[in-house]
Amino acid sequence: MPKAPKFWAGPRGLRSELLVPFSVITFFINRLRSARAKPVSVGVPVVCVGNATVGGAGKTPTVLSLIDFLKPRYPRLACVSKGYGGKQHIPVRVDSQKHTARDVGDEPLLIAQKATCWVGQDRVKTCQTAVEGGAELILLDDGLQDPRLIRQCSLIVVDSGFGFGNRLILPAGPLRDRVDYAYRAADAMVMIGEDVQQIAQEVPKTMPVFRAHMQANDGLRLPKDGRFVAFAGIGRPQKFFDTLAAMGINVVHSVAYPDHHPYTKRNQRKLLQIAAEYEALLLTTEKDAVRFPPEFREHLHALPVHLEWERPRDLAKFLKEHLP
């Protein structure tokens, strides 16, 4: 995925306005697809985690956290993803010992470390295959805009620092669909970070909002007084760099790549060269680390993160009320 254009962040400018006619086409394609869709049940509850924008809002950390909420009640839950960046088209169960990010995508590899995970280009077929494989609940990573599945509940994840950008639909802005349609498709919102965009003021009054913050895991052990070259190929790399700064980590240089960037041998050599120039160590995200071959990961430090919920009991109650 190429880097998101800076003008997506808003306010609206000439470049975004020139692309609005194409956004109108995107909007009507969405409406046509919804009108033609005949939602089907896959026979088990489906919990969808999605967002209104392209890029990193925090869906995967939310999925990983929801596994902890749901697995005690549904021990045979399965996560389903399209496996962006991978080459698998037919449904396949992710094997972290066998598959690479080029096979199934980076996010499914992380999810598979905590729960059964299936990938496939057709979400309905992949969910059905997961159920045939014994899944008693489907946790859907992405899919808020896919009208073909009957879902028990859907959560819309919002990066509070970015919000909805310039609030225009692709390609004029980052929205996959109009914000009001995203709200209609969701039963609750997960708001990650401080609400600097004041999104909470516009959320429908009937929609619960669950607030969370991204936290670094305590298990990270970095060399004392270490110098680091930080790099990331996620939706918004600056979020990662800001997190490191807040932790007081001595980052002497940072490198941003596009989301889901497939690191090549050339990229690996370049990163080692930069680290040598700065006499520093390489530091990245877990999502980035899994895209490298095992032998290169020995050169990396990866920052593990998790969601810290403000009111976890409220979220647990919500899930209990919406699931059988």
C-alpha atoms as a PDB file:
ATOM      1  CA  MET A   1       0.000   0.000   0.000  1.00  0.00           C
ATOM      2  CA  PRO A   2       1.495   3.398  -0.975  1.00  0.00           C
ATOM      3  CA  LYS A   3       1.936   6.125   1.604  1.00  0.00           C
ATOM      4  CA  ALA A   4      -1.229   8.042   2.382  1.00  0.00           C
ATOM      5  CA  PRO A   5      -1.210  11.498   0.753  1.00  0.00           C
ATOM      6  CA  LYS A   6      -0.608  14.289   3.244  1.00  0.00           C
ATOM      7  CA  PHE A   7      -3.660  16.196   2.004  1.00  0.00           C
ATOM      8  CA  TRP A   8      -5.883  13.428   3.363  1.00  0.00           C
ATOM      9  CA  ALA A   9      -5.199  14.719   6.854  1.00  0.00           C
ATOM     10  CA  GLY A  10      -7.067  17.933   6.078  1.00  0.00           C
ATOM     11  CA  PRO A  11      -8.163  20.632   5.886  1.00  0.00           C
ATOM     12  CA  ARG A  12      -9.547  20.263   2.387  1.00  0.00           C
ATOM     13  CA  GLY A  13      -7.444  21.817  -0.345  1.00  0.00           C
ATOM     14  CA  LEU A  14      -7.266  22.065  -4.117  1.00  0.00           C
ATOM     15  CA  ARG A  15      -5.921  18.551  -4.641  1.00  0.00           C
ATOM     16  CA  SER A  16      -8.659  16.934  -2.594  1.00  0.00           C
ATOM     17  CA  GLU A  17     -11.405  19.008  -4.209  1.00  0.00           C
ATOM     18  CA  LEU A  18     -10.205  18.054  -7.708  1.00  0.00           C
ATOM     19  CA  LEU A  19     -10.643  14.385  -6.755  1.00  0.00           C
ATOM     20  CA  VAL A  20     -14.154  14.763  -5.323  1.00  0.00           C
ATOM     21  CA  PRO A  21     -15.866  13.605  -8.581  1.00  0.00           C
ATOM     22  CA  PHE A  22     -14.030  10.282  -8.243  1.00  0.00           C
ATOM     23  CA  SER A  23     -15.114  10.087  -4.602  1.00  0.00           C
ATOM     24  CA  VAL A  24     -18.714  10.412  -5.758  1.00  0.00           C
ATOM     25  CA  ILE A  25     -18.159   7.378  -7.985  1.00  0.00           C
ATOM     26  CA  THR A  26     -16.749   5.433  -5.014  1.00  0.00           C
ATOM     27  CA  PHE A  27     -19.783   6.382  -2.943  1.00  0.00           C
ATOM     28  CA  PHE A  28     -22.277   5.158  -5.543  1.00  0.00           C
ATOM     29  CA  ILE A  29     -20.340   1.930  -6.075  1.00  0.00           C
ATOM     30  CA  ASN A  30     -20.670   1.327  -2.323  1.00  0.00           C
ATOM     31  CA  ARG A  31     -24.400   1.995  -2.450  1.00  0.00           C
ATOM     32  CA  LEU A  32     -24.869  -0.332  -5.423  1.00  0.00           C
ATOM     33  CA  ARG A  33     -22.933  -3.112  -3.710  1.00  0.00           C
ATOM     34  CA  SER A  34     -25.011  -2.709  -0.549  1.00  0.00           C
ATOM     35  CA  ALA A  35     -28.266  -2.735  -2.495  1.00  0.00           C
ATOM     36  CA  ARG A  36     -27.328  -5.950  -4.304  1.00  0.00           C
ATOM     37  CA  ALA A  37     -26.018  -7.751  -1.223  1.00  0.00           C
ATOM     38  CA  LYS A  38     -27.984 -10.587   0.355  1.00  0.00           C
ATOM     39  CA  PRO A  39     -26.448 -10.999   3.825  1.00  0.00           C
ATOM     40  CA  VAL A  40     -25.918 -14.602   4.907  1.00  0.00           C
ATOM     41  CA  SER A  41     -25.391 -16.250   8.269  1.00  0.00           C
ATOM     42  CA  VAL A  42     -22.424 -18.551   8.722  1.00  0.00           C
ATOM     43  CA  GLY A  43     -24.115 -20.377  11.598  1.00  0.00           C
ATOM     44  CA  VAL A  44     -22.088 -18.885  14.471  1.00  0.00           C
ATOM     45  CA  PRO A  45     -21.862 -15.388  15.974  1.00  0.00           C
ATOM     46  CA  VAL A  46     -19.724 -12.896  14.048  1.00  0.00           C
ATOM     47  CA  VAL A  47     -18.007  -9.946  15.745  1.00  0.00           C
ATOM     48  CA  CYS A  48     -16.665  -7.431  13.232  1.00  0.00           C
ATOM     49  CA  VAL A  49     -13.847  -4.980  13.963  1.00  0.00           C
ATOM     50  CA  GLY A  50     -13.512  -2.327  11.273  1.00  0.00           C
ATOM     51  CA  ASN A  51     -12.910   1.343  10.637  1.00  0.00           C
ATOM     52  CA  ALA A  52     -14.107   4.163   8.432  1.00  0.00           C
ATOM     53  CA  THR A  53     -10.725   5.016   6.922  1.00  0.00           C
ATOM     54  CA  VAL A  54      -7.895   3.253   5.175  1.00  0.00           C
ATOM     55  CA  GLY A  55      -4.664   2.991   7.120  1.00  0.00           C
ATOM     56  CA  GLY A  56      -3.866   2.177  10.703  1.00  0.00           C
ATOM     57  CA  ALA A  57      -6.686   3.048  13.069  1.00  0.00           C
ATOM     58  CA  GLY A  58      -5.805   0.225  15.459  1.00  0.00           C
ATOM     59  CA  LYS A  59      -7.987  -2.645  14.222  1.00  0.00           C
ATOM     60  CA  THR A  60      -5.447  -5.397  14.803  1.00  0.00           C
ATOM     61  CA  PRO A  61      -4.557  -4.360  18.383  1.00  0.00           C
ATOM     62  CA  THR A  62      -8.302  -4.248  19.038  1.00  0.00           C
ATOM     63  CA  VAL A  63      -8.758  -7.755  17.626  1.00  0.00           C
ATOM     64  CA  LEU A  64      -5.864  -9.048  19.735  1.00  0.00           C
ATOM     65  CA  SER A  65      -7.393  -7.501  22.846  1.00  0.00           C
ATOM     66  CA  LEU A  66     -10.890  -8.826  22.082  1.00  0.00           C
ATOM     67  CA  ILE A  67      -9.453 -12.340  21.897  1.00  0.00           C
ATOM     68  CA  ASP A  68      -8.702 -12.023  25.620  1.00  0.00           C
ATOM     69  CA  PHE A  69     -12.298 -10.936  26.291  1.00  0.00           C
ATOM     70  CA  LEU A  70     -13.955 -13.619  24.158  1.00  0.00           C
ATOM     71  CA  LYS A  71     -11.777 -16.709  24.377  1.00  0.00           C
ATOM     72  CA  PRO A  72     -12.816 -17.735  27.914  1.00  0.00           C
ATOM     73  CA  ARG A  73     -16.429 -17.900  26.692  1.00  0.00           C
ATOM     74  CA  TYR A  74     -15.676 -19.114  23.162  1.00  0.00           C
ATOM     75  CA  PRO A  75     -12.463 -21.187  23.394  1.00  0.00           C
ATOM     76  CA  ARG A  76     -12.789 -22.261  19.757  1.00  0.00           C
ATOM     77  CA  LEU A  77     -13.134 -18.758  18.342  1.00  0.00           C
ATOM     78  CA  ALA A  78     -11.419 -18.060  15.028  1.00  0.00           C
ATOM     79  CA  CYS A  79     -10.219 -14.792  13.552  1.00  0.00           C
ATOM     80  CA  VAL A  80     -10.780 -14.110   9.847  1.00  0.00           C
ATOM     81  CA  SER A  81      -8.792 -11.666   7.726  1.00  0.00           C
ATOM     82  CA  LYS A  82      -8.298 -10.970   4.039  1.00  0.00           C
ATOM     83  CA  GLY A  83      -4.571 -11.118   4.707  1.00  0.00           C
ATOM     84  CA  TYR A  84      -3.621  -7.846   3.047  1.00  0.00           C
ATOM     85  CA  GLY A  85      -0.184  -8.102   1.470  1.00  0.00           C
ATOM     86  CA  GLY A  86      -0.323 -11.896   1.250  1.00  0.00           C
ATOM     87  CA  LYS A  87      -0.838 -14.048  -1.815  1.00  0.00           C
ATOM     88  CA  GLN A  88      -3.382 -16.539  -0.474  1.00  0.00           C
ATOM     89  CA  HIS A  89      -6.730 -16.293  -2.270  1.00  0.00           C
ATOM     90  CA  ILE A  90      -8.550 -19.422  -1.149  1.00  0.00           C
ATOM     91  CA  PRO A  91      -9.286 -19.848   2.580  1.00  0.00           C
ATOM     92  CA  VAL A  92      -6.290 -21.149   4.515  1.00  0.00           C
ATOM     93  CA  ARG A  93      -5.538 -21.514   8.207  1.00  0.00           C
ATOM     94  CA  VAL A  94      -2.491 -19.475   9.197  1.00  0.00           C
ATOM     95  CA  ASP A  95       0.492 -21.475  10.415  1.00  0.00           C
ATOM     96  CA  SER A  96       3.045 -19.114  11.940  1.00  0.00           C
ATOM     97  CA  GLN A  97       5.701 -21.821  11.681  1.00  0.00           C
ATOM     98  CA  LYS A  98       5.162 -22.313   7.967  1.00  0.00           C
ATOM     99  CA  HIS A  99       3.701 -19.128   6.525  1.00  0.00           C
ATOM    100  CA  THR A 100       5.405 -15.784   5.997  1.00  0.00           C
ATOM    101  CA  ALA A 101       3.959 -12.293   5.675  1.00  0.00           C
ATOM    102  CA  ARG A 102       4.262 -12.650   1.905  1.00  0.00           C
ATOM    103  CA  ASP A 103       1.990 -15.696   2.144  1.00  0.00           C
ATOM    104  CA  VAL A 104      -0.752 -14.502   4.488  1.00  0.00           C
ATOM    105  CA  GLY A 105      -0.011 -10.882   5.410  1.00  0.00           C
ATOM    106  CA  ASP A 106       1.612  -9.460   8.524  1.00  0.00           C
ATOM    107  CA  GLU A 107      -1.428  -8.966  10.760  1.00  0.00           C
ATOM    108  CA  PRO A 108      -2.661 -12.587  10.523  1.00  0.00           C
ATOM    109  CA  LEU A 109       0.772 -13.789  11.636  1.00  0.00           C
ATOM    110  CA  LEU A 110       0.457 -11.707  14.800  1.00  0.00           C
ATOM    111  CA  ILE A 111      -3.126 -12.847  15.398  1.00  0.00           C
ATOM    112  CA  ALA A 112      -2.199 -16.519  14.882  1.00  0.00           C
ATOM    113  CA  GLN A 113       0.113 -16.298  17.897  1.00  0.00           C
ATOM    114  CA  LYS A 114      -2.968 -15.867  20.113  1.00  0.00           C
ATOM    115  CA  ALA A 115      -5.818 -17.628  18.318  1.00  0.00           C
ATOM    116  CA  THR A 116      -6.788 -19.641  15.265  1.00  0.00           C
ATOM    117  CA  CYS A 117      -6.664 -17.366  12.241  1.00  0.00           C
ATOM    118  CA  TRP A 118      -7.927 -17.907   8.685  1.00  0.00           C
ATOM    119  CA  VAL A 119      -7.212 -15.761   5.635  1.00  0.00           C
ATOM    120  CA  GLY A 120      -8.878 -15.601   2.241  1.00  0.00           C
ATOM    121  CA  GLN A 121     -10.021 -13.014  -0.271  1.00  0.00           C
ATOM    122  CA  ASP A 122     -13.722 -13.888   0.038  1.00  0.00           C
ATOM    123  CA  ARG A 123     -14.767 -13.143   3.619  1.00  0.00           C
ATOM    124  CA  VAL A 124     -17.956 -15.205   3.432  1.00  0.00           C
ATOM    125  CA  LYS A 125     -16.183 -18.306   2.134  1.00  0.00           C
ATOM    126  CA  THR A 126     -13.361 -17.876   4.634  1.00  0.00           C
ATOM    127  CA  CYS A 127     -15.815 -17.571   7.536  1.00  0.00           C
ATOM    128  CA  GLN A 128     -17.687 -20.650   6.329  1.00  0.00           C
ATOM    129  CA  THR A 129     -14.439 -22.591   6.072  1.00  0.00           C
ATOM    130  CA  ALA A 130     -13.477 -21.526   9.598  1.00  0.00           C
ATOM    131  CA  VAL A 131     -16.841 -22.753  10.896  1.00  0.00           C
ATOM    132  CA  GLU A 132     -16.375 -26.062   9.081  1.00  0.00           C
ATOM    133  CA  GLY A 133     -13.019 -26.251  10.859  1.00  0.00           C
ATOM    134  CA  GLY A 134     -14.699 -26.003  14.256  1.00  0.00           C
ATOM    135  CA  ALA A 135     -14.985 -22.277  14.952  1.00  0.00           C
ATOM    136  CA  GLU A 136     -17.788 -21.397  17.379  1.00  0.00           C
ATOM    137  CA  LEU A 137     -17.392 -17.624  16.948  1.00  0.00           C
ATOM    138  CA  ILE A 138     -15.853 -15.513  14.187  1.00  0.00           C
ATOM    139  CA  LEU A 139     -13.822 -12.431  15.048  1.00  0.00           C
ATOM    140  CA  LEU A 140     -13.627 -10.524  11.770  1.00  0.00           C
ATOM    141  CA  ASP A 141     -10.588  -8.293  11.258  1.00  0.00           C
ATOM    142  CA  ASP A 142     -11.949  -5.592   8.941  1.00  0.00           C
ATOM    143  CA  GLY A 143     -15.212  -5.918   7.015  1.00  0.00           C
ATOM    144  CA  LEU A 144     -17.334  -3.058   8.311  1.00  0.00           C
ATOM    145  CA  GLN A 145     -18.083  -2.059   4.711  1.00  0.00           C
ATOM    146  CA  ASP A 146     -18.801  -5.634   3.563  1.00  0.00           C
ATOM    147  CA  PRO A 147     -22.610  -6.067   3.549  1.00  0.00           C
ATOM    148  CA  ARG A 148     -22.634  -9.808   2.781  1.00  0.00           C
ATOM    149  CA  LEU A 149     -22.305 -11.163   6.330  1.00  0.00           C
ATOM    150  CA  ILE A 150     -24.857 -11.172   9.130  1.00  0.00           C
ATOM    151  CA  ARG A 151     -23.038  -9.958  12.236  1.00  0.00           C
ATOM    152  CA  GLN A 152     -24.044 -10.045  15.887  1.00  0.00           C
ATOM    153  CA  CYS A 153     -22.149  -6.839  16.577  1.00  0.00           C
ATOM    154  CA  SER A 154     -19.703  -4.511  14.837  1.00  0.00           C
ATOM    155  CA  LEU A 155     -17.127  -2.176  16.351  1.00  0.00           C
ATOM    156  CA  ILE A 156     -15.773   0.844  14.523  1.00  0.00           C
ATOM    157  CA  VAL A 157     -12.219   1.704  15.568  1.00  0.00           C
ATOM    158  CA  VAL A 158     -11.071   5.324  15.427  1.00  0.00           C
ATOM    159  CA  ASP A 159      -7.566   6.700  15.858  1.00  0.00           C
ATOM    160  CA  SER A 160      -8.464   9.777  17.879  1.00  0.00           C
ATOM    161  CA  GLY A 161      -5.357  11.649  16.767  1.00  0.00           C
ATOM    162  CA  PHE A 162      -6.294  11.366  13.088  1.00  0.00           C
ATOM    163  CA  GLY A 163     -10.056  11.022  13.271  1.00  0.00           C
ATOM    164  CA  PHE A 164     -11.554  10.935   9.792  1.00  0.00           C
ATOM    165  CA  GLY A 165      -8.928  13.144   8.144  1.00  0.00           C
ATOM    166  CA  ASN A 166     -10.418  15.618   5.679  1.00  0.00           C
ATOM    167  CA  ARG A 167     -13.685  13.618   5.787  1.00  0.00           C
ATOM    168  CA  LEU A 168     -13.718  12.901   2.064  1.00  0.00           C
ATOM    169  CA  ILE A 169     -14.144   9.485   0.449  1.00  0.00           C
ATOM    170  CA  LEU A 170     -11.391   7.783  -1.513  1.00  0.00           C
ATOM    171  CA  PRO A 171      -9.481   9.010  -3.469  1.00  0.00           C
ATOM    172  CA  ALA A 172     -10.069  12.603  -2.312  1.00  0.00           C
ATOM    173  CA  GLY A 173      -9.692  11.530   1.314  1.00  0.00           C
ATOM    174  CA  PRO A 174      -9.098   8.507   3.535  1.00  0.00           C
ATOM    175  CA  LEU A 175     -12.743   7.488   4.053  1.00  0.00           C
ATOM    176  CA  ARG A 176     -13.943   4.154   2.695  1.00  0.00           C
ATOM    177  CA  ASP A 177     -17.511   5.442   2.894  1.00  0.00           C
ATOM    178  CA  ARG A 178     -19.359   8.397   4.361  1.00  0.00           C
ATOM    179  CA  VAL A 179     -19.002   8.714   8.127  1.00  0.00           C
ATOM    180  CA  ASP A 180     -22.759   8.481   8.702  1.00  0.00           C
ATOM    181  CA  TYR A 181     -22.876   5.162   6.848  1.00  0.00           C
ATOM    182  CA  ALA A 182     -19.979   3.891   8.970  1.00  0.00           C
ATOM    183  CA  TYR A 183     -21.946   4.784  12.092  1.00  0.00           C
ATOM    184  CA  ARG A 184     -25.003   2.945  10.750  1.00  0.00           C
ATOM    185  CA  ALA A 185     -22.935  -0.181  10.172  1.00  0.00           C
ATOM    186  CA  ALA A 186     -21.524  -0.212  13.715  1.00  0.00           C
ATOM    187  CA  ASP A 187     -22.985  -0.974  17.134  1.00  0.00           C
ATOM    188  CA  ALA A 188     -20.207   0.661  19.162  1.00  0.00           C
ATOM    189  CA  MET A 189     -17.042   2.698  18.781  1.00  0.00           C
ATOM    190  CA  VAL A 190     -13.540   1.982  20.015  1.00  0.00           C
ATOM    191  CA  MET A 191     -11.691   5.281  20.415  1.00  0.00           C
ATOM    192  CA  ILE A 192      -7.927   4.905  20.718  1.00  0.00           C
ATOM    193  CA  GLY A 193      -5.956   7.766  22.233  1.00  0.00           C
ATOM    194  CA  GLU A 194      -6.904  11.253  23.352  1.00  0.00           C
ATOM    195  CA  ASP A 195      -9.925  12.651  21.522  1.00  0.00           C
ATOM    196  CA  VAL A 196      -8.077  15.632  20.017  1.00  0.00           C
ATOM    197  CA  GLN A 197     -10.418  15.596  16.988  1.00  0.00           C
ATOM    198  CA  GLN A 198     -13.485  15.703  19.289  1.00  0.00           C
ATOM    199  CA  ILE A 199     -15.058  12.734  17.557  1.00  0.00           C
ATOM    200  CA  ALA A 200     -17.075  11.802  20.647  1.00  0.00           C
ATOM    201  CA  GLN A 201     -19.219  14.929  20.227  1.00  0.00           C
ATOM    202  CA  GLU A 202     -20.629  13.692  16.920  1.00  0.00           C
ATOM    203  CA  VAL A 203     -21.170  10.022  17.747  1.00  0.00           C
ATOM    204  CA  PRO A 204     -24.865   9.044  17.799  1.00  0.00           C
ATOM    205  CA  LYS A 205     -26.136   9.186  21.374  1.00  0.00           C
ATOM    206  CA  THR A 206     -27.269   5.565  21.208  1.00  0.00           C
ATOM    207  CA  MET A 207     -23.767   4.329  20.299  1.00  0.00           C
ATOM    208  CA  PRO A 208     -21.516   3.206  23.173  1.00  0.00           C
ATOM    209  CA  VAL A 209     -17.951   4.536  23.048  1.00  0.00           C
ATOM    210  CA  PHE A 210     -15.171   2.449  24.572  1.00  0.00           C
ATOM    211  CA  ARG A 211     -11.956   4.359  25.129  1.00  0.00           C
ATOM    212  CA  ALA A 212      -8.528   2.767  25.072  1.00  0.00           C
ATOM    213  CA  HIS A 213      -4.879   3.729  24.889  1.00  0.00           C
ATOM    214  CA  MET A 214      -1.968   2.000  23.224  1.00  0.00           C
ATOM    215  CA  GLN A 215       0.587   0.905  25.795  1.00  0.00           C
ATOM    216  CA  ALA A 216       4.018  -0.675  25.405  1.00  0.00           C
ATOM    217  CA  ASN A 217       4.279  -4.089  27.026  1.00  0.00           C
ATOM    218  CA  ASP A 218       6.393  -4.362  30.151  1.00  0.00           C
ATOM    219  CA  GLY A 219       8.345  -7.222  28.606  1.00  0.00           C
ATOM    220  CA  LEU A 220      10.443  -4.980  26.352  1.00  0.00           C
ATOM    221  CA  ARG A 221      14.089  -5.108  27.341  1.00  0.00           C
ATOM    222  CA  LEU A 222      16.240  -2.544  25.563  1.00  0.00           C
ATOM    223  CA  PRO A 223      19.944  -1.997  26.149  1.00  0.00           C
ATOM    224  CA  LYS A 224      20.537   0.651  28.795  1.00  0.00           C
ATOM    225  CA  ASP A 225      21.478   4.024  27.273  1.00  0.00           C
ATOM    226  CA  GLY A 226      20.985   2.528  23.804  1.00  0.00           C
ATOM    227  CA  ARG A 227      20.775   4.616  20.639  1.00  0.00           C
ATOM    228  CA  PHE A 228      18.136   3.573  18.122  1.00  0.00           C
ATOM    229  CA  VAL A 229      17.164   3.984  14.509  1.00  0.00           C
ATOM    230  CA  ALA A 230      13.383   3.586  14.513  1.00  0.00           C
ATOM    231  CA  PHE A 231      11.472   2.542  11.403  1.00  0.00           C
ATOM    232  CA  ALA A 232       7.897   1.537  10.663  1.00  0.00           C
ATOM    233  CA  GLY A 233       5.718   0.576   7.718  1.00  0.00           C
ATOM    234  CA  ILE A 234       2.295   1.006   9.309  1.00  0.00           C
ATOM    235  CA  GLY A 235      -0.700   3.217   8.579  1.00  0.00           C
ATOM    236  CA  ARG A 236       0.715   6.178  10.477  1.00  0.00           C
ATOM    237  CA  PRO A 237       4.384   5.672  11.363  1.00  0.00           C
ATOM    238  CA  GLN A 238       4.498   8.933  13.297  1.00  0.00           C
ATOM    239  CA  LYS A 239       2.308   7.336  15.978  1.00  0.00           C
ATOM    240  CA  PHE A 240       5.060   4.787  16.580  1.00  0.00           C
ATOM    241  CA  PHE A 241       7.764   7.461  16.696  1.00  0.00           C
ATOM    242  CA  ASP A 242       5.673   9.547  19.113  1.00  0.00           C
ATOM    243  CA  THR A 243       5.231   6.509  21.365  1.00  0.00           C
ATOM    244  CA  LEU A 244       8.984   5.980  21.497  1.00  0.00           C
ATOM    245  CA  ALA A 245       9.523   9.642  22.334  1.00  0.00           C
ATOM    246  CA  ALA A 246       6.957   9.444  25.131  1.00  0.00           C
ATOM    247  CA  MET A 247       8.804   6.413  26.527  1.00  0.00           C
ATOM    248  CA  GLY A 248      12.048   8.359  26.605  1.00  0.00           C
ATOM    249  CA  ILE A 249      13.774   6.062  24.107  1.00  0.00           C
ATOM    250  CA  ASN A 250      16.780   7.689  22.451  1.00  0.00           C
ATOM    251  CA  VAL A 251      15.822   7.660  18.763  1.00  0.00           C
ATOM    252  CA  VAL A 252      18.588   9.285  16.741  1.00  0.00           C
ATOM    253  CA  HIS A 253      16.961   8.719  13.344  1.00  0.00           C
ATOM    254  CA  SER A 254      13.592   7.524  12.039  1.00  0.00           C
ATOM    255  CA  VAL A 255      12.483   6.048   8.730  1.00  0.00           C
ATOM    256  CA  ALA A 256       8.847   5.815   7.550  1.00  0.00           C
ATOM    257  CA  TYR A 257       7.681   3.252   5.010  1.00  0.00           C
ATOM    258  CA  PRO A 258       4.222   2.704   3.434  1.00  0.00           C
ATOM    259  CA  ASP A 259       1.716   0.538   5.273  1.00  0.00           C
ATOM    260  CA  HIS A 260       2.338  -3.212   4.827  1.00  0.00           C
ATOM    261  CA  HIS A 261       5.619  -2.437   3.063  1.00  0.00           C
ATOM    262  CA  PRO A 262       7.257  -5.682   1.810  1.00  0.00           C
ATOM    263  CA  TYR A 263      10.840  -5.244   2.974  1.00  0.00           C
ATOM    264  CA  THR A 264      13.325  -6.260   0.305  1.00  0.00           C
ATOM    265  CA  LYS A 265      16.960  -7.313   0.570  1.00  0.00           C
ATOM    266  CA  ARG A 266      17.833  -3.792  -0.513  1.00  0.00           C
ATOM    267  CA  ASN A 267      15.742  -2.346   2.342  1.00  0.00           C
ATOM    268  CA  GLN A 268      17.506  -4.650   4.782  1.00  0.00           C
ATOM    269  CA  ARG A 269      20.940  -3.573   3.622  1.00  0.00           C
ATOM    270  CA  LYS A 270      19.911   0.082   3.767  1.00  0.00           C
ATOM    271  CA  LEU A 271      18.604  -0.226   7.317  1.00  0.00           C
ATOM    272  CA  LEU A 272      21.802  -1.908   8.475  1.00  0.00           C
ATOM    273  CA  GLN A 273      23.788   0.836   6.764  1.00  0.00           C
ATOM    274  CA  ILE A 274      21.797   3.594   8.484  1.00  0.00           C
ATOM    275  CA  ALA A 275      22.167   1.880  11.857  1.00  0.00           C
ATOM    276  CA  ALA A 276      25.926   1.627  11.338  1.00  0.00           C
ATOM    277  CA  GLU A 277      26.167   5.291  10.352  1.00  0.00           C
ATOM    278  CA  TYR A 278      24.419   6.366  13.535  1.00  0.00           C
ATOM    279  CA  GLU A 279      26.107   3.695  15.678  1.00  0.00           C
ATOM    280  CA  ALA A 280      22.630   2.644  16.740  1.00  0.00           C
ATOM    281  CA  LEU A 281      20.348  -0.367  16.986  1.00  0.00           C
ATOM    282  CA  LEU A 282      17.255  -0.980  14.861  1.00  0.00           C
ATOM    283  CA  LEU A 283      13.865  -0.646  16.551  1.00  0.00           C
ATOM    284  CA  THR A 284      10.492  -1.309  14.908  1.00  0.00           C
ATOM    285  CA  THR A 285       6.957  -2.572  15.509  1.00  0.00           C
ATOM    286  CA  GLU A 286       5.949  -6.208  15.915  1.00  0.00           C
ATOM    287  CA  LYS A 287       3.866  -5.871  12.759  1.00  0.00           C
ATOM    288  CA  ASP A 288       6.954  -4.802  10.819  1.00  0.00           C
ATOM    289  CA  ALA A 289       9.231  -7.394  12.377  1.00  0.00           C
ATOM    290  CA  VAL A 290       7.189 -10.348  11.101  1.00  0.00           C
ATOM    291  CA  ARG A 291       7.749  -9.155   7.524  1.00  0.00           C
ATOM    292  CA  PHE A 292      11.448  -9.912   7.754  1.00  0.00           C
ATOM    293  CA  PRO A 293      13.101 -13.338   7.416  1.00  0.00           C
ATOM    294  CA  PRO A 294      14.119 -14.927  10.747  1.00  0.00           C
ATOM    295  CA  GLU A 295      17.816 -14.328  10.140  1.00  0.00           C
ATOM    296  CA  PHE A 296      17.267 -10.557   9.803  1.00  0.00           C
ATOM    297  CA  ARG A 297      15.052 -10.347  12.883  1.00  0.00           C
ATOM    298  CA  GLU A 298      18.168 -11.041  14.921  1.00  0.00           C
ATOM    299  CA  HIS A 299      19.223  -7.470  14.064  1.00  0.00           C
ATOM    300  CA  LEU A 300      15.922  -5.979  15.272  1.00  0.00           C
ATOM    301  CA  HIS A 301      14.306  -4.922  18.492  1.00  0.00           C
ATOM    302  CA  ALA A 302      10.487  -4.967  18.217  1.00  0.00           C
ATOM    303  CA  LEU A 303       8.217  -2.936  20.476  1.00  0.00           C
ATOM    304  CA  PRO A 304       5.261  -5.029  21.732  1.00  0.00           C
ATOM    305  CA  VAL A 305       2.109  -3.019  22.468  1.00  0.00           C
ATOM    306  CA  HIS A 306      -1.377  -3.697  23.785  1.00  0.00           C
ATOM    307  CA  LEU A 307      -4.615  -1.805  24.357  1.00  0.00           C
ATOM    308  CA  GLU A 308      -5.316  -0.515  27.843  1.00  0.00           C
ATOM    309  CA  TRP A 309      -9.093  -0.032  28.260  1.00  0.00           C
ATOM    310  CA  GLU A 310     -10.469   2.748  30.444  1.00  0.00           C
ATOM    311  CA  ARG A 311     -13.607   0.781  31.396  1.00  0.00           C
ATOM    312  CA  PRO A 312     -13.020  -2.882  30.500  1.00  0.00           C
ATOM    313  CA  ARG A 313     -16.081  -4.048  32.441  1.00  0.00           C
ATOM    314  CA  ASP A 314     -18.335  -1.948  30.222  1.00  0.00           C
ATOM    315  CA  LEU A 315     -16.849  -3.564  27.114  1.00  0.00           C
ATOM    316  CA  ALA A 316     -17.240  -7.041  28.624  1.00  0.00           C
ATOM    317  CA  LYS A 317     -20.894  -6.257  29.427  1.00  0.00           C
ATOM    318  CA  PHE A 318     -21.508  -5.010  25.889  1.00  0.00           C
ATOM    319  CA  LEU A 319     -20.098  -8.185  24.345  1.00  0.00           C
ATOM    320  CA  LYS A 320     -22.084 -10.377  26.709  1.00  0.00           C
ATOM    321  CA  GLU A 321     -25.334  -8.562  25.842  1.00  0.00           C
ATOM    322  CA  HIS A 322     -24.781  -8.870  22.087  1.00  0.00           C
ATOM    323  CA  LEU A 323     -23.617 -12.477  21.909  1.00  0.00           C
ATOM    324  CA  PRO A 324     -25.526 -15.679  22.640  1.00  0.00           C
END
